[in-house]
C-alpha atoms as a PDB file:
ATOM      1  CA  MET A   1     -32.872 -38.784 -42.392  1.00  0.00           C
ATOM      2  CA  PRO A   2     -34.779 -35.385 -41.262  1.00  0.00           C
ATOM      3  CA  LYS A   3     -35.102 -36.338 -37.388  1.00  0.00           C
ATOM      4  CA  ASP A   4     -31.112 -35.705 -37.387  1.00  0.00           C
ATOM      5  CA  ALA A   5     -30.982 -32.436 -39.052  1.00  0.00           C
ATOM      6  CA  HIS A   6     -33.695 -31.380 -36.858  1.00  0.00           C
ATOM      7  CA  ASN A   7     -32.045 -32.083 -34.036  1.00  0.00           C
ATOM      8  CA  LYS A   8     -28.695 -30.531 -35.111  1.00  0.00           C
ATOM      9  CA  ALA A   9     -30.744 -27.437 -35.874  1.00  0.00           C
ATOM     10  CA  ALA A  10     -32.107 -27.159 -32.138  1.00  0.00           C
ATOM     11  CA  GLU A  11     -28.947 -27.802 -31.015  1.00  0.00           C
ATOM     12  CA  HIS A  12     -27.922 -24.947 -32.507  1.00  0.00           C
ATOM     13  CA  HIS A  13     -30.792 -22.809 -31.880  1.00  0.00           C
ATOM     14  CA  GLU A  14     -30.179 -23.639 -28.113  1.00  0.00           C
ATOM     15  CA  ASN A  15     -26.512 -22.528 -28.401  1.00  0.00           C
ATOM     16  CA  ALA A  16     -27.146 -19.473 -30.128  1.00  0.00           C
ATOM     17  CA  ALA A  17     -29.482 -18.387 -27.401  1.00  0.00           C
ATOM     18  CA  LYS A  18     -26.723 -19.207 -24.717  1.00  0.00           C
ATOM     19  CA  SER A  19     -24.192 -17.053 -26.613  1.00  0.00           C
ATOM     20  CA  HIS A  20     -26.747 -14.209 -26.952  1.00  0.00           C
ATOM     21  CA  LYS A  21     -26.952 -14.403 -22.965  1.00  0.00           C
ATOM     22  CA  LEU A  22     -23.253 -14.745 -22.550  1.00  0.00           C
ATOM     23  CA  ALA A  23     -22.960 -11.933 -24.871  1.00  0.00           C
ATOM     24  CA  ALA A  24     -25.769  -9.832 -22.641  1.00  0.00           C
ATOM     25  CA  GLU A  25     -24.078 -10.505 -19.844  1.00  0.00           C
ATOM     26  CA  HIS A  26     -20.496  -9.422 -20.872  1.00  0.00           C
ATOM     27  CA  HIS A  27     -22.185  -6.183 -22.406  1.00  0.00           C
ATOM     28  CA  GLY A  28     -23.909  -5.480 -18.496  1.00  0.00           C
ATOM     29  CA  LYS A  29     -20.360  -6.141 -17.185  1.00  0.00           C
ATOM     30  CA  GLY A  30     -18.961  -3.408 -19.564  1.00  0.00           C
ATOM     31  CA  ASP A  31     -16.746  -6.034 -21.288  1.00  0.00           C
ATOM     32  CA  HIS A  32     -17.730  -5.255 -24.724  1.00  0.00           C
ATOM     33  CA  THR A  33     -14.896  -7.423 -26.368  1.00  0.00           C
ATOM     34  CA  LYS A  34     -16.152 -10.358 -24.917  1.00  0.00           C
ATOM     35  CA  GLY A  35     -19.672  -9.633 -25.634  1.00  0.00           C
ATOM     36  CA  ARG A  36     -18.827  -8.766 -29.276  1.00  0.00           C
ATOM     37  CA  GLU A  37     -17.083 -12.258 -29.153  1.00  0.00           C
ATOM     38  CA  GLU A  38     -20.184 -13.927 -27.844  1.00  0.00           C
ATOM     39  CA  SER A  39     -22.259 -11.822 -30.150  1.00  0.00           C
ATOM     40  CA  SER A  40     -20.572 -13.093 -33.270  1.00  0.00           C
ATOM     41  CA  LYS A  41     -20.867 -17.117 -31.898  1.00  0.00           C
ATOM     42  CA  ALA A  42     -24.651 -16.760 -31.678  1.00  0.00           C
ATOM     43  CA  LYS A  43     -25.053 -15.275 -34.791  1.00  0.00           C
ATOM     44  CA  THR A  44     -22.946 -18.145 -36.399  1.00  0.00           C
ATOM     45  CA  HIS A  45     -24.946 -20.433 -34.626  1.00  0.00           C
ATOM     46  CA  SER A  46     -27.967 -18.934 -35.784  1.00  0.00           C
ATOM     47  CA  LYS A  47     -26.867 -19.365 -39.353  1.00  0.00           C
ATOM     48  CA  THR A  48     -25.882 -22.770 -39.207  1.00  0.00           C
ATOM     49  CA  ALA A  49     -29.427 -23.281 -37.434  1.00  0.00           C
ATOM     50  CA  HIS A  50     -31.135 -21.821 -39.943  1.00  0.00           C
ATOM     51  CA  ASP A  51     -29.155 -23.957 -42.496  1.00  0.00           C
ATOM     52  CA  HIS A  52     -29.992 -27.404 -40.894  1.00  0.00           C
ATOM     53  CA  SER A  53     -33.449 -26.127 -40.395  1.00  0.00           C
ATOM     54  CA  GLU A  54     -33.748 -25.642 -44.041  1.00  0.00           C
ATOM     55  CA  MET A  55     -32.056 -29.139 -44.835  1.00  0.00           C
ATOM     56  CA  ALA A  56     -34.961 -30.703 -42.287  1.00  0.00           C
ATOM     57  CA  ASP A  57     -37.049 -29.117 -44.373  1.00  0.00           C
ATOM     58  CA  ASP A  58     -36.417 -30.099 -47.561  1.00  0.00           C
ATOM     59  CA  LYS A  59     -35.393 -34.105 -46.262  1.00  0.00           C
ATOM     60  CA  SER A  60     -39.014 -34.183 -44.728  1.00  0.00           C
ATOM     61  CA  ARG A  61     -40.519 -32.936 -47.855  1.00  0.00           C
ATOM     62  CA  ALA A  62     -38.368 -35.645 -49.866  1.00  0.00           C
ATOM     63  CA  ALA A  63     -39.655 -38.064 -47.756  1.00  0.00           C
ATOM     64  CA  LYS A  64     -43.081 -37.998 -48.729  1.00  0.00           C
END
């Protein structure tokens, strides 16, 4: 169902945003190791969100 894929994409977009924020906070405090870890998590969530968005788009097109 396209709605499920859209919800998964939204969830990963939200998690990416949280990780980006945490990365910025850690970098701001000079904790670059933690900042890089959070940046990496953000990248993973962003990629997964993109994949789910593509899947949702494909399912939406197929449903028409």
